[in-house]
């Protein structure tokens, strides 16, 4: 499923489909379906690091910056650390997110990776490789970073759809799944629209979108899970 943020700072549900998460054929088709329905001028995509999804983002949403979900990344990173060292290692790695901008965050990130290399070479290599992707949100407006450094905004939707689909148990066919999940997401989309609460302020979105001009752009920031 995917959600986005519009030019006005509102948050719509963009779409949902069923497929294997690592399937290289599924993700391009899903993203193209969003583009066909009007998705344009995407500036940032936040997602987990599925290889098929990363490749599809580059191919279908050309020019969009990719932010690797920090929450998922920390889980991947700590899986390379022995249980006894996970808590202190997590605290050290999280310190790289404290600096106020991208330039000042890259230096401590490299230092932390260097410091981990002696005891956890795999951990150090993973951090160094992912540095740009987990810090991409530091290029954005400060007031937007908290909502755009992870796919957390989608987690509640995922839990809600799982809770309600678990009641069904077994679906009769593949297409029955998006029909039920789509109904749940449509309900949530309408609730967000009626609430009239913008995800980001219209003023802050104007500062983000000034370079785009006044073309027919719709959604500019999106998250996928």
N, C-alpha and C. Protein backbone atom coordinates (compact mmCIF):
# COMPACT_ATOMS: atom_id res chain seq x y z
N UNK A 1 0.84 -1.19 0.00
CA UNK A 1 0.00 0.00 0.00
C UNK A 1 0.88 1.25 0.00
N UNK A 2 0.32 2.34 -0.47
CA UNK A 2 1.07 3.59 -0.54
C UNK A 2 0.19 4.75 -0.12
N UNK A 3 0.76 5.69 0.63
CA UNK A 3 0.08 6.94 0.95
C UNK A 3 0.96 8.07 0.46
N UNK A 4 0.39 9.26 0.30
CA UNK A 4 1.17 10.39 -0.19
C UNK A 4 0.82 11.67 0.53
N UNK A 5 1.51 12.74 0.15
CA UNK A 5 1.20 14.07 0.66
C UNK A 5 1.02 14.98 -0.55
N UNK A 6 -0.09 15.68 -0.62
CA UNK A 6 -0.41 16.50 -1.78
C UNK A 6 0.25 17.87 -1.69
N UNK A 7 0.06 18.64 -2.76
CA UNK A 7 0.59 20.01 -2.78
C UNK A 7 0.07 20.85 -1.63
N UNK A 8 -1.15 20.51 -1.16
CA UNK A 8 -1.76 21.27 -0.07
C UNK A 8 -1.38 20.73 1.31
N UNK A 9 -0.55 19.70 1.35
CA UNK A 9 -0.16 19.13 2.62
C UNK A 9 -1.12 18.09 3.15
N UNK A 10 -2.11 17.68 2.35
CA UNK A 10 -3.06 16.67 2.78
C UNK A 10 -2.50 15.27 2.52
N UNK A 11 -3.02 14.29 3.24
CA UNK A 11 -2.50 12.93 3.17
C UNK A 11 -3.57 11.98 2.61
N UNK A 12 -3.46 11.58 1.36
CA UNK A 12 -4.39 10.61 0.79
C UNK A 12 -3.79 9.20 0.73
N UNK A 13 -4.65 8.21 0.68
CA UNK A 13 -4.21 6.87 0.34
C UNK A 13 -4.09 6.81 -1.18
N UNK A 14 -2.95 6.37 -1.68
CA UNK A 14 -2.71 6.36 -3.12
C UNK A 14 -3.15 5.07 -3.78
N UNK A 15 -2.95 3.94 -3.12
CA UNK A 15 -3.34 2.69 -3.74
C UNK A 15 -2.91 1.49 -2.94
N UNK A 16 -3.43 0.33 -3.34
CA UNK A 16 -3.09 -0.93 -2.67
C UNK A 16 -3.19 -2.06 -3.69
N UNK A 17 -2.35 -3.07 -3.53
CA UNK A 17 -2.40 -4.25 -4.37
C UNK A 17 -1.75 -5.41 -3.62
N UNK A 18 -1.85 -6.59 -4.14
CA UNK A 18 -1.31 -7.78 -3.49
C UNK A 18 -0.21 -8.37 -4.36
N UNK A 19 0.92 -8.69 -3.74
CA UNK A 19 2.01 -9.31 -4.48
C UNK A 19 3.12 -9.70 -3.54
N UNK A 20 4.08 -10.46 -4.03
CA UNK A 20 5.25 -10.84 -3.22
C UNK A 20 6.12 -9.62 -3.01
N UNK A 21 6.52 -9.34 -1.74
CA UNK A 21 7.23 -8.10 -1.43
C UNK A 21 8.55 -7.97 -2.14
N UNK A 22 9.22 -9.09 -2.45
CA UNK A 22 10.52 -9.03 -3.10
C UNK A 22 10.41 -9.23 -4.62
N UNK A 23 9.20 -9.36 -5.13
CA UNK A 23 9.01 -9.66 -6.54
C UNK A 23 9.35 -8.47 -7.41
N UNK A 24 10.31 -8.65 -8.32
CA UNK A 24 10.75 -7.54 -9.17
C UNK A 24 9.72 -7.17 -10.22
N UNK A 25 8.75 -8.06 -10.49
CA UNK A 25 7.71 -7.75 -11.45
C UNK A 25 6.55 -6.99 -10.84
N UNK A 26 6.28 -7.26 -9.56
CA UNK A 26 5.13 -6.64 -8.91
C UNK A 26 5.30 -5.14 -8.71
N UNK A 27 6.45 -4.74 -8.18
CA UNK A 27 6.62 -3.33 -7.79
C UNK A 27 6.53 -2.36 -8.96
N UNK A 28 7.18 -2.60 -10.11
CA UNK A 28 7.00 -1.66 -11.23
C UNK A 28 5.54 -1.54 -11.66
N UNK A 29 4.83 -2.67 -11.69
CA UNK A 29 3.43 -2.64 -12.09
C UNK A 29 2.60 -1.82 -11.11
N UNK A 30 2.89 -1.98 -9.82
CA UNK A 30 2.15 -1.23 -8.80
C UNK A 30 2.40 0.27 -8.95
N UNK A 31 3.67 0.66 -9.08
CA UNK A 31 3.98 2.08 -9.21
C UNK A 31 3.43 2.67 -10.50
N UNK A 32 3.48 1.90 -11.59
CA UNK A 32 2.92 2.39 -12.85
C UNK A 32 1.42 2.59 -12.76
N UNK A 33 0.77 1.74 -11.97
CA UNK A 33 -0.68 1.91 -11.79
C UNK A 33 -0.99 3.23 -11.09
N UNK A 34 -0.12 3.64 -10.15
CA UNK A 34 -0.31 4.92 -9.46
C UNK A 34 -0.07 6.08 -10.42
N UNK A 35 0.96 5.96 -11.24
CA UNK A 35 1.26 7.01 -12.23
C UNK A 35 0.12 7.13 -13.23
N UNK A 36 -0.41 6.01 -13.67
CA UNK A 36 -1.51 6.02 -14.64
C UNK A 36 -2.72 6.72 -14.08
N UNK A 37 -2.91 6.65 -12.75
CA UNK A 37 -4.05 7.30 -12.12
C UNK A 37 -3.78 8.74 -11.73
N UNK A 38 -2.58 9.27 -12.06
CA UNK A 38 -2.33 10.70 -11.86
C UNK A 38 -1.17 11.07 -10.97
N UNK A 39 -0.49 10.09 -10.36
CA UNK A 39 0.66 10.41 -9.52
C UNK A 39 1.76 11.04 -10.37
N UNK A 40 2.28 12.20 -9.93
CA UNK A 40 3.28 12.90 -10.74
C UNK A 40 4.20 13.72 -9.84
N UNK A 41 5.39 14.02 -10.36
CA UNK A 41 6.34 14.90 -9.69
C UNK A 41 6.63 14.45 -8.26
N UNK A 42 6.89 13.17 -8.08
CA UNK A 42 7.22 12.66 -6.75
C UNK A 42 8.61 13.13 -6.36
N UNK A 43 8.72 13.75 -5.23
CA UNK A 43 10.01 14.28 -4.76
C UNK A 43 10.75 13.32 -3.85
N UNK A 44 10.00 12.55 -3.05
CA UNK A 44 10.62 11.67 -2.06
C UNK A 44 9.77 10.42 -1.91
N UNK A 45 10.44 9.27 -1.81
CA UNK A 45 9.75 8.01 -1.50
C UNK A 45 10.40 7.42 -0.26
N UNK A 46 9.59 7.04 0.71
CA UNK A 46 10.08 6.41 1.93
C UNK A 46 9.61 4.96 1.92
N UNK A 47 10.55 4.04 2.09
CA UNK A 47 10.17 2.62 2.07
C UNK A 47 11.24 1.79 2.76
N UNK A 48 10.95 0.52 2.91
CA UNK A 48 11.95 -0.43 3.35
C UNK A 48 12.87 -0.72 2.17
N UNK A 49 13.94 -1.47 2.42
CA UNK A 49 14.96 -1.67 1.40
C UNK A 49 14.76 -2.94 0.59
N UNK A 50 13.53 -3.23 0.17
CA UNK A 50 13.31 -4.35 -0.74
C UNK A 50 14.02 -4.04 -2.05
N UNK A 51 14.82 -4.97 -2.54
CA UNK A 51 15.58 -4.71 -3.77
C UNK A 51 14.68 -4.46 -4.96
N UNK A 52 13.60 -5.24 -5.07
CA UNK A 52 12.67 -5.05 -6.18
C UNK A 52 12.01 -3.68 -6.13
N UNK A 53 11.66 -3.23 -4.94
CA UNK A 53 11.02 -1.93 -4.78
C UNK A 53 11.99 -0.80 -5.09
N UNK A 54 13.22 -0.91 -4.60
CA UNK A 54 14.22 0.12 -4.88
C UNK A 54 14.43 0.28 -6.38
N UNK A 55 14.55 -0.83 -7.09
CA UNK A 55 14.76 -0.78 -8.54
C UNK A 55 13.56 -0.16 -9.24
N UNK A 56 12.36 -0.49 -8.77
CA UNK A 56 11.14 0.04 -9.39
C UNK A 56 11.02 1.54 -9.17
N UNK A 57 11.40 2.01 -7.99
CA UNK A 57 11.35 3.45 -7.71
C UNK A 57 12.26 4.20 -8.68
N UNK A 58 13.46 3.68 -8.88
CA UNK A 58 14.40 4.32 -9.78
C UNK A 58 13.91 4.32 -11.22
N UNK A 59 13.23 3.24 -11.62
CA UNK A 59 12.79 3.12 -13.01
C UNK A 59 11.50 3.88 -13.29
N UNK A 60 10.55 3.84 -12.36
CA UNK A 60 9.22 4.40 -12.60
C UNK A 60 9.10 5.84 -12.09
N UNK A 61 9.71 6.12 -10.95
CA UNK A 61 9.62 7.46 -10.34
C UNK A 61 10.96 8.16 -10.48
N UNK A 62 11.43 8.26 -11.67
CA UNK A 62 12.74 8.84 -11.95
C UNK A 62 12.87 10.25 -11.37
N UNK A 63 13.96 10.50 -10.68
CA UNK A 63 14.20 11.82 -10.09
C UNK A 63 13.79 11.92 -8.64
N UNK A 64 13.05 10.93 -8.13
CA UNK A 64 12.62 10.97 -6.72
C UNK A 64 13.77 10.54 -5.82
N UNK A 65 13.92 11.21 -4.69
CA UNK A 65 14.89 10.82 -3.68
C UNK A 65 14.31 9.65 -2.88
N UNK A 66 15.18 8.73 -2.49
CA UNK A 66 14.72 7.59 -1.70
C UNK A 66 15.23 7.70 -0.29
N UNK A 67 14.32 7.60 0.69
CA UNK A 67 14.65 7.57 2.10
C UNK A 67 14.40 6.16 2.61
N UNK A 68 15.46 5.51 3.08
CA UNK A 68 15.29 4.18 3.66
C UNK A 68 14.69 4.31 5.06
N UNK A 69 13.64 3.57 5.33
CA UNK A 69 12.98 3.64 6.63
C UNK A 69 13.98 3.41 7.75
N UNK A 70 14.12 4.38 8.64
CA UNK A 70 15.09 4.28 9.72
C UNK A 70 14.74 3.17 10.70
N UNK A 71 13.47 2.96 10.96
CA UNK A 71 13.05 1.94 11.92
C UNK A 71 13.42 0.55 11.40
N UNK A 72 13.09 0.29 10.14
CA UNK A 72 13.44 -1.00 9.55
C UNK A 72 14.96 -1.17 9.47
N UNK A 73 15.65 -0.08 9.15
CA UNK A 73 17.11 -0.15 9.05
C UNK A 73 17.73 -0.53 10.38
N UNK A 74 17.25 0.08 11.48
CA UNK A 74 17.82 -0.24 12.78
C UNK A 74 17.59 -1.70 13.12
N UNK A 75 16.45 -2.26 12.73
CA UNK A 75 16.22 -3.67 12.95
C UNK A 75 17.19 -4.53 12.17
N UNK A 76 17.43 -4.15 10.90
CA UNK A 76 18.39 -4.88 10.07
C UNK A 76 19.80 -4.78 10.66
N UNK A 77 20.15 -3.58 11.12
CA UNK A 77 21.49 -3.35 11.64
C UNK A 77 21.74 -4.13 12.92
N UNK A 78 20.79 -4.08 13.84
CA UNK A 78 20.98 -4.74 15.14
C UNK A 78 20.96 -6.26 15.03
N UNK A 79 20.41 -6.77 13.93
CA UNK A 79 20.43 -8.21 13.71
C UNK A 79 21.85 -8.71 13.47
N UNK A 80 22.77 -7.79 13.13
CA UNK A 80 24.17 -8.17 12.91
C UNK A 80 25.01 -8.05 14.17
N UNK A 81 24.38 -7.63 15.28
CA UNK A 81 25.11 -7.39 16.54
C UNK A 81 24.71 -8.46 17.57
N UNK A 82 25.64 -9.02 18.33
CA UNK A 82 25.29 -9.97 19.38
C UNK A 82 24.29 -9.35 20.37
N UNK A 83 23.41 -10.17 20.89
CA UNK A 83 22.34 -9.68 21.76
C UNK A 83 22.85 -8.80 22.90
N UNK A 84 23.95 -9.15 23.51
CA UNK A 84 24.47 -8.41 24.65
C UNK A 84 24.91 -6.99 24.29
N UNK A 85 25.24 -6.77 23.02
CA UNK A 85 25.73 -5.45 22.62
C UNK A 85 24.70 -4.63 21.85
N UNK A 86 23.51 -5.13 21.70
CA UNK A 86 22.53 -4.44 20.86
C UNK A 86 22.08 -3.10 21.43
N UNK A 87 21.81 -3.05 22.72
CA UNK A 87 21.32 -1.80 23.31
C UNK A 87 22.36 -0.69 23.21
N UNK A 88 23.60 -0.89 23.65
CA UNK A 88 24.60 0.18 23.51
C UNK A 88 24.90 0.51 22.04
N UNK A 89 24.88 -0.49 21.18
CA UNK A 89 25.14 -0.24 19.76
C UNK A 89 24.03 0.62 19.16
N UNK A 90 22.79 0.34 19.55
CA UNK A 90 21.66 1.12 19.05
C UNK A 90 21.79 2.58 19.48
N UNK A 91 22.19 2.81 20.72
CA UNK A 91 22.34 4.18 21.23
C UNK A 91 23.42 4.92 20.45
N UNK A 92 24.52 4.24 20.15
CA UNK A 92 25.61 4.87 19.41
C UNK A 92 25.16 5.22 18.00
N UNK A 93 24.49 4.29 17.34
CA UNK A 93 24.06 4.54 15.95
C UNK A 93 23.00 5.64 15.90
N UNK A 94 22.09 5.67 16.85
CA UNK A 94 21.04 6.71 16.84
C UNK A 94 21.63 8.11 17.00
N UNK A 95 22.83 8.21 17.56
CA UNK A 95 23.44 9.53 17.74
C UNK A 95 23.72 10.23 16.42
N UNK A 96 23.81 9.46 15.33
CA UNK A 96 24.11 10.09 14.04
C UNK A 96 22.93 10.89 13.52
N UNK A 97 21.73 10.67 14.08
CA UNK A 97 20.55 11.39 13.61
C UNK A 97 20.34 12.71 14.35
N UNK A 98 21.17 13.02 15.33
CA UNK A 98 21.00 14.23 16.13
C UNK A 98 21.39 15.52 15.40
N UNK A 99 22.46 15.54 14.58
CA UNK A 99 22.85 16.80 13.91
C UNK A 99 21.70 17.41 13.10
N UNK A 100 21.70 18.73 12.97
CA UNK A 100 20.56 19.42 12.37
C UNK A 100 20.45 19.34 10.86
N UNK A 101 21.50 18.96 10.16
CA UNK A 101 21.41 18.91 8.70
C UNK A 101 22.23 17.75 8.15
N UNK A 102 22.08 17.53 6.85
CA UNK A 102 22.70 16.38 6.22
C UNK A 102 24.23 16.43 6.30
N UNK A 103 24.80 17.58 5.99
CA UNK A 103 26.25 17.72 5.97
C UNK A 103 26.88 17.40 7.31
N UNK A 104 26.28 17.89 8.40
CA UNK A 104 26.85 17.67 9.72
C UNK A 104 26.55 16.28 10.25
N UNK A 105 25.59 15.56 9.64
CA UNK A 105 25.27 14.20 10.09
C UNK A 105 26.19 13.16 9.45
N UNK A 106 26.69 13.44 8.27
CA UNK A 106 27.51 12.45 7.58
C UNK A 106 28.83 12.19 8.30
N UNK A 107 29.42 13.23 8.89
CA UNK A 107 30.70 13.06 9.58
C UNK A 107 30.59 12.10 10.76
N UNK A 108 29.65 12.31 11.72
CA UNK A 108 29.54 11.35 12.82
C UNK A 108 29.12 9.96 12.34
N UNK A 109 28.40 9.89 11.24
CA UNK A 109 28.00 8.59 10.71
C UNK A 109 29.24 7.79 10.30
N UNK A 110 30.15 8.45 9.61
CA UNK A 110 31.40 7.77 9.21
C UNK A 110 32.22 7.37 10.43
N UNK A 111 32.26 8.25 11.45
CA UNK A 111 33.03 7.96 12.66
C UNK A 111 32.45 6.77 13.41
N UNK A 112 31.13 6.70 13.49
CA UNK A 112 30.49 5.58 14.17
C UNK A 112 30.78 4.28 13.43
N UNK A 113 30.69 4.34 12.10
CA UNK A 113 30.98 3.15 11.30
C UNK A 113 32.43 2.70 11.51
N UNK A 114 33.34 3.65 11.55
CA UNK A 114 34.75 3.31 11.79
C UNK A 114 34.94 2.70 13.18
N UNK A 115 34.22 3.23 14.18
CA UNK A 115 34.35 2.73 15.54
C UNK A 115 33.79 1.32 15.71
N UNK A 116 32.81 0.96 14.87
CA UNK A 116 32.20 -0.37 14.97
C UNK A 116 32.99 -1.43 14.21
N UNK A 117 33.87 -0.99 13.33
CA UNK A 117 34.52 -1.93 12.41
C UNK A 117 35.32 -3.02 13.11
N UNK A 118 36.03 -2.67 14.19
CA UNK A 118 36.90 -3.65 14.85
C UNK A 118 36.11 -4.82 15.44
N UNK A 119 34.99 -4.51 16.11
CA UNK A 119 34.23 -5.57 16.79
C UNK A 119 33.10 -6.12 15.92
N UNK A 120 32.54 -5.28 15.02
CA UNK A 120 31.41 -5.72 14.20
C UNK A 120 31.59 -5.23 12.76
N UNK A 121 32.48 -5.87 12.01
CA UNK A 121 32.73 -5.41 10.63
C UNK A 121 31.49 -5.44 9.74
N UNK A 122 30.62 -6.41 9.96
CA UNK A 122 29.39 -6.49 9.15
C UNK A 122 28.47 -5.30 9.45
N UNK A 123 28.38 -4.95 10.73
CA UNK A 123 27.56 -3.81 11.15
C UNK A 123 28.12 -2.52 10.57
N UNK A 124 29.42 -2.34 10.65
CA UNK A 124 30.07 -1.14 10.13
C UNK A 124 29.85 -1.02 8.63
N UNK A 125 29.98 -2.12 7.90
CA UNK A 125 29.80 -2.10 6.46
C UNK A 125 28.37 -1.74 6.08
N UNK A 126 27.40 -2.28 6.83
CA UNK A 126 25.99 -1.98 6.56
C UNK A 126 25.68 -0.51 6.80
N UNK A 127 26.20 0.04 7.90
CA UNK A 127 25.98 1.45 8.22
C UNK A 127 26.60 2.36 7.17
N UNK A 128 27.83 2.05 6.77
CA UNK A 128 28.51 2.88 5.78
C UNK A 128 27.78 2.85 4.44
N UNK A 129 27.33 1.67 4.05
CA UNK A 129 26.64 1.51 2.77
C UNK A 129 25.30 2.25 2.75
N UNK A 130 24.60 2.26 3.89
CA UNK A 130 23.26 2.84 3.95
C UNK A 130 23.24 4.31 4.38
N UNK A 131 24.40 4.89 4.65
CA UNK A 131 24.46 6.24 5.24
C UNK A 131 23.63 7.27 4.48
N UNK A 132 23.83 7.37 3.18
CA UNK A 132 23.10 8.38 2.40
C UNK A 132 21.61 8.12 2.41
N UNK A 133 21.22 6.86 2.35
CA UNK A 133 19.81 6.52 2.26
C UNK A 133 19.06 6.77 3.57
N UNK A 134 19.70 6.54 4.71
CA UNK A 134 19.01 6.76 5.99
C UNK A 134 19.07 8.21 6.43
N UNK A 135 19.91 9.00 5.77
CA UNK A 135 20.01 10.43 6.11
C UNK A 135 19.41 11.33 5.04
N UNK A 136 18.75 10.75 4.04
CA UNK A 136 18.18 11.55 2.95
C UNK A 136 17.18 12.58 3.46
N UNK A 137 16.44 12.25 4.53
CA UNK A 137 15.44 13.18 5.05
C UNK A 137 16.08 14.45 5.62
N UNK A 138 17.38 14.42 5.88
CA UNK A 138 18.06 15.60 6.41
C UNK A 138 18.17 16.72 5.37
N UNK A 139 17.90 16.40 4.11
CA UNK A 139 17.88 17.42 3.06
C UNK A 139 16.56 18.22 3.08
N UNK A 140 15.57 17.72 3.80
CA UNK A 140 14.23 18.29 3.76
C UNK A 140 14.05 19.37 4.83
N UNK A 141 12.88 20.02 4.78
CA UNK A 141 12.57 21.02 5.80
C UNK A 141 12.58 20.36 7.18
N UNK A 142 13.08 21.08 8.16
CA UNK A 142 13.20 20.51 9.51
C UNK A 142 11.87 20.05 10.06
N UNK A 143 10.79 20.82 9.80
CA UNK A 143 9.50 20.46 10.36
C UNK A 143 8.86 19.24 9.68
N UNK A 144 9.43 18.78 8.58
CA UNK A 144 8.90 17.61 7.89
C UNK A 144 9.65 16.32 8.22
N UNK A 145 10.82 16.45 8.80
CA UNK A 145 11.70 15.28 8.92
C UNK A 145 11.14 14.18 9.81
N UNK A 146 10.47 14.55 10.89
CA UNK A 146 9.98 13.53 11.82
C UNK A 146 9.00 12.58 11.13
N UNK A 147 8.16 13.11 10.23
CA UNK A 147 7.17 12.27 9.55
C UNK A 147 7.73 11.54 8.34
N UNK A 148 8.95 11.93 7.90
CA UNK A 148 9.45 11.38 6.65
C UNK A 148 10.73 10.57 6.79
N UNK A 149 11.14 10.25 8.01
CA UNK A 149 12.35 9.44 8.14
C UNK A 149 12.05 7.95 8.23
N UNK A 150 10.76 7.59 8.27
CA UNK A 150 10.40 6.17 8.36
C UNK A 150 9.02 5.96 7.74
N UNK A 151 8.63 4.69 7.66
CA UNK A 151 7.29 4.36 7.16
C UNK A 151 6.29 4.23 8.32
N UNK A 152 6.60 4.79 9.47
CA UNK A 152 5.70 4.71 10.63
C UNK A 152 4.28 5.17 10.34
N UNK A 153 4.08 6.22 9.49
CA UNK A 153 2.70 6.62 9.20
C UNK A 153 1.85 5.51 8.60
N UNK A 154 2.50 4.49 8.02
CA UNK A 154 1.77 3.38 7.43
C UNK A 154 1.53 2.23 8.42
N UNK A 155 2.26 2.24 9.53
CA UNK A 155 2.19 1.10 10.42
C UNK A 155 0.80 0.88 11.01
N UNK A 156 0.14 1.97 11.38
CA UNK A 156 -1.22 1.81 11.92
C UNK A 156 -2.15 1.23 10.87
N UNK A 157 -2.02 1.71 9.63
CA UNK A 157 -2.86 1.18 8.55
C UNK A 157 -2.60 -0.31 8.35
N UNK A 158 -1.34 -0.69 8.38
CA UNK A 158 -1.00 -2.10 8.23
C UNK A 158 -1.63 -2.94 9.34
N UNK A 159 -1.52 -2.47 10.58
CA UNK A 159 -2.07 -3.21 11.71
C UNK A 159 -3.59 -3.31 11.62
N UNK A 160 -4.23 -2.21 11.19
CA UNK A 160 -5.68 -2.21 11.10
C UNK A 160 -6.17 -3.15 10.00
N UNK A 161 -5.51 -3.14 8.87
CA UNK A 161 -5.92 -4.04 7.79
C UNK A 161 -5.67 -5.50 8.18
N UNK A 162 -4.56 -5.75 8.88
CA UNK A 162 -4.28 -7.11 9.32
C UNK A 162 -5.33 -7.58 10.34
N UNK A 163 -5.68 -6.68 11.26
CA UNK A 163 -6.66 -7.04 12.28
C UNK A 163 -7.99 -7.43 11.64
N UNK A 164 -8.41 -6.66 10.66
CA UNK A 164 -9.72 -6.90 10.06
C UNK A 164 -9.69 -8.03 9.04
N UNK A 165 -8.57 -8.22 8.37
CA UNK A 165 -8.48 -9.32 7.41
C UNK A 165 -8.29 -10.66 8.11
N UNK A 166 -7.72 -10.65 9.32
CA UNK A 166 -7.55 -11.90 10.06
C UNK A 166 -8.89 -12.53 10.42
N UNK A 167 -9.92 -11.70 10.52
CA UNK A 167 -11.26 -12.22 10.81
C UNK A 167 -11.74 -13.11 9.68
N UNK A 168 -11.38 -12.75 8.45
CA UNK A 168 -11.80 -13.52 7.28
C UNK A 168 -11.11 -14.87 7.26
N UNK A 169 -9.83 -14.88 7.64
CA UNK A 169 -9.08 -16.13 7.69
C UNK A 169 -8.50 -16.50 6.34
N UNK A 170 -9.29 -17.11 5.48
CA UNK A 170 -8.83 -17.54 4.16
C UNK A 170 -9.65 -16.82 3.09
N UNK A 171 -8.97 -16.14 2.18
CA UNK A 171 -9.65 -15.46 1.09
C UNK A 171 -9.88 -16.44 -0.06
N UNK A 172 -11.01 -16.33 -0.75
CA UNK A 172 -11.32 -17.28 -1.84
C UNK A 172 -10.37 -17.17 -3.02
N UNK A 173 -9.81 -15.97 -3.25
CA UNK A 173 -8.86 -15.78 -4.35
C UNK A 173 -8.04 -14.54 -4.07
N UNK A 174 -7.02 -14.32 -4.91
CA UNK A 174 -6.09 -13.19 -4.69
C UNK A 174 -6.80 -11.86 -4.78
N UNK A 175 -7.72 -11.69 -5.72
CA UNK A 175 -8.37 -10.38 -5.91
C UNK A 175 -9.31 -10.02 -4.77
N UNK A 176 -9.73 -11.01 -3.99
CA UNK A 176 -10.62 -10.71 -2.86
C UNK A 176 -9.89 -9.91 -1.79
N UNK A 177 -8.58 -10.10 -1.69
CA UNK A 177 -7.80 -9.40 -0.66
C UNK A 177 -7.78 -7.89 -0.86
N UNK A 178 -7.39 -7.38 -2.05
CA UNK A 178 -7.40 -5.92 -2.21
C UNK A 178 -8.80 -5.32 -2.15
N UNK A 179 -9.85 -6.12 -2.44
CA UNK A 179 -11.20 -5.57 -2.31
C UNK A 179 -11.52 -5.24 -0.87
N UNK A 180 -11.18 -6.16 0.05
CA UNK A 180 -11.42 -5.90 1.47
C UNK A 180 -10.50 -4.81 1.99
N UNK A 181 -9.20 -4.96 1.71
CA UNK A 181 -8.24 -3.97 2.21
C UNK A 181 -8.53 -2.61 1.61
N UNK A 182 -8.91 -2.58 0.32
CA UNK A 182 -9.24 -1.32 -0.33
C UNK A 182 -10.40 -0.62 0.33
N UNK A 183 -11.40 -1.39 0.78
CA UNK A 183 -12.55 -0.80 1.47
C UNK A 183 -12.12 -0.18 2.79
N UNK A 184 -11.21 -0.85 3.49
CA UNK A 184 -10.69 -0.32 4.77
C UNK A 184 -9.93 0.99 4.51
N UNK A 185 -9.10 0.98 3.48
CA UNK A 185 -8.30 2.17 3.18
C UNK A 185 -9.17 3.31 2.67
N UNK A 186 -10.21 3.01 1.91
CA UNK A 186 -11.13 4.05 1.45
C UNK A 186 -11.80 4.72 2.64
N UNK A 187 -12.18 3.91 3.61
CA UNK A 187 -12.79 4.44 4.84
C UNK A 187 -11.81 5.38 5.56
N UNK A 188 -10.53 4.98 5.64
CA UNK A 188 -9.54 5.80 6.32
C UNK A 188 -9.27 7.08 5.52
N UNK A 189 -9.19 6.96 4.20
CA UNK A 189 -8.96 8.12 3.34
C UNK A 189 -10.06 9.16 3.52
N UNK A 190 -11.29 8.71 3.58
CA UNK A 190 -12.43 9.62 3.77
C UNK A 190 -12.37 10.27 5.15
N UNK A 191 -11.94 9.49 6.15
CA UNK A 191 -11.83 10.04 7.51
C UNK A 191 -10.78 11.15 7.55
N UNK A 192 -9.62 10.92 6.89
CA UNK A 192 -8.59 11.95 6.84
C UNK A 192 -9.10 13.21 6.13
N UNK A 193 -9.86 13.02 5.06
CA UNK A 193 -10.36 14.16 4.29
C UNK A 193 -11.39 14.96 5.08
N UNK A 194 -12.28 14.27 5.78
CA UNK A 194 -13.32 14.95 6.56
C UNK A 194 -12.72 15.69 7.75
N UNK A 195 -11.68 15.12 8.34
CA UNK A 195 -11.04 15.74 9.51
C UNK A 195 -10.42 17.08 9.15
N UNK A 196 -10.06 17.27 7.87
CA UNK A 196 -9.47 18.52 7.38
C UNK A 196 -8.21 18.89 8.15
N UNK A 197 -7.45 17.90 8.54
CA UNK A 197 -6.16 18.14 9.20
C UNK A 197 -5.05 17.85 8.21
N UNK A 198 -4.30 18.86 7.85
CA UNK A 198 -3.21 18.67 6.90
C UNK A 198 -2.05 17.93 7.58
N UNK A 199 -1.40 17.07 6.83
CA UNK A 199 -0.25 16.36 7.34
C UNK A 199 0.92 17.33 7.51
N UNK A 200 1.05 18.24 6.54
CA UNK A 200 2.01 19.34 6.62
C UNK A 200 1.26 20.63 6.34
N UNK A 201 1.73 21.74 6.89
CA UNK A 201 1.05 23.00 6.67
C UNK A 201 1.19 23.43 5.22
N UNK A 202 0.19 24.17 4.73
CA UNK A 202 0.23 24.66 3.35
C UNK A 202 1.43 25.59 3.15
N UNK A 203 1.77 26.36 4.18
CA UNK A 203 2.91 27.27 4.08
C UNK A 203 4.22 26.51 3.89
N UNK A 204 4.41 25.44 4.67
CA UNK A 204 5.65 24.67 4.53
C UNK A 204 5.70 23.97 3.18
N UNK A 205 4.57 23.51 2.67
CA UNK A 205 4.55 22.85 1.36
C UNK A 205 4.88 23.82 0.25
N UNK A 206 4.49 25.08 0.39
CA UNK A 206 4.85 26.08 -0.62
C UNK A 206 6.35 26.25 -0.70
N UNK A 207 7.01 26.19 0.46
CA UNK A 207 8.47 26.32 0.46
C UNK A 207 9.14 25.11 -0.19
N UNK A 208 8.54 23.93 -0.03
CA UNK A 208 9.06 22.72 -0.65
C UNK A 208 8.89 22.76 -2.15
N UNK A 209 7.74 23.26 -2.60
CA UNK A 209 7.34 23.11 -4.00
C UNK A 209 7.64 24.29 -4.88
N UNK A 210 8.21 25.35 -4.34
CA UNK A 210 8.50 26.54 -5.14
C UNK A 210 9.26 26.21 -6.42
N UNK A 211 10.28 25.34 -6.39
CA UNK A 211 11.01 25.05 -7.63
C UNK A 211 10.20 24.33 -8.69
N UNK A 212 9.03 23.75 -8.32
CA UNK A 212 8.27 22.97 -9.28
C UNK A 212 7.41 23.81 -10.21
N UNK A 213 7.13 25.04 -9.84
CA UNK A 213 6.28 25.86 -10.68
C UNK A 213 4.82 25.49 -10.48
N UNK A 214 4.02 25.66 -11.53
CA UNK A 214 2.58 25.44 -11.40
C UNK A 214 2.09 24.42 -12.41
N UNK A 215 2.84 23.35 -12.60
CA UNK A 215 2.42 22.28 -13.52
C UNK A 215 1.25 21.52 -12.93
N UNK A 216 0.94 20.36 -13.43
CA UNK A 216 -0.23 19.61 -12.96
C UNK A 216 0.11 18.61 -11.88
N UNK A 217 1.11 18.90 -11.05
CA UNK A 217 1.56 17.93 -10.07
C UNK A 217 0.46 17.60 -9.06
N UNK A 218 0.45 16.38 -8.58
CA UNK A 218 -0.49 15.98 -7.55
C UNK A 218 0.26 15.60 -6.29
N UNK A 219 0.59 14.34 -6.11
CA UNK A 219 1.30 13.93 -4.91
C UNK A 219 2.81 14.13 -5.09
N UNK A 220 3.47 14.59 -4.05
CA UNK A 220 4.89 14.88 -4.18
C UNK A 220 5.74 14.09 -3.19
N UNK A 221 5.16 13.62 -2.14
CA UNK A 221 5.88 12.84 -1.13
C UNK A 221 5.07 11.59 -0.88
N UNK A 222 5.71 10.44 -0.82
CA UNK A 222 4.92 9.23 -0.62
C UNK A 222 5.68 8.21 0.20
N UNK A 223 4.93 7.31 0.82
CA UNK A 223 5.52 6.22 1.59
C UNK A 223 4.89 4.92 1.11
N UNK A 224 5.70 3.88 1.04
CA UNK A 224 5.25 2.58 0.55
C UNK A 224 5.66 1.51 1.54
N UNK A 225 4.79 0.55 1.76
CA UNK A 225 5.13 -0.59 2.62
C UNK A 225 4.62 -1.87 1.97
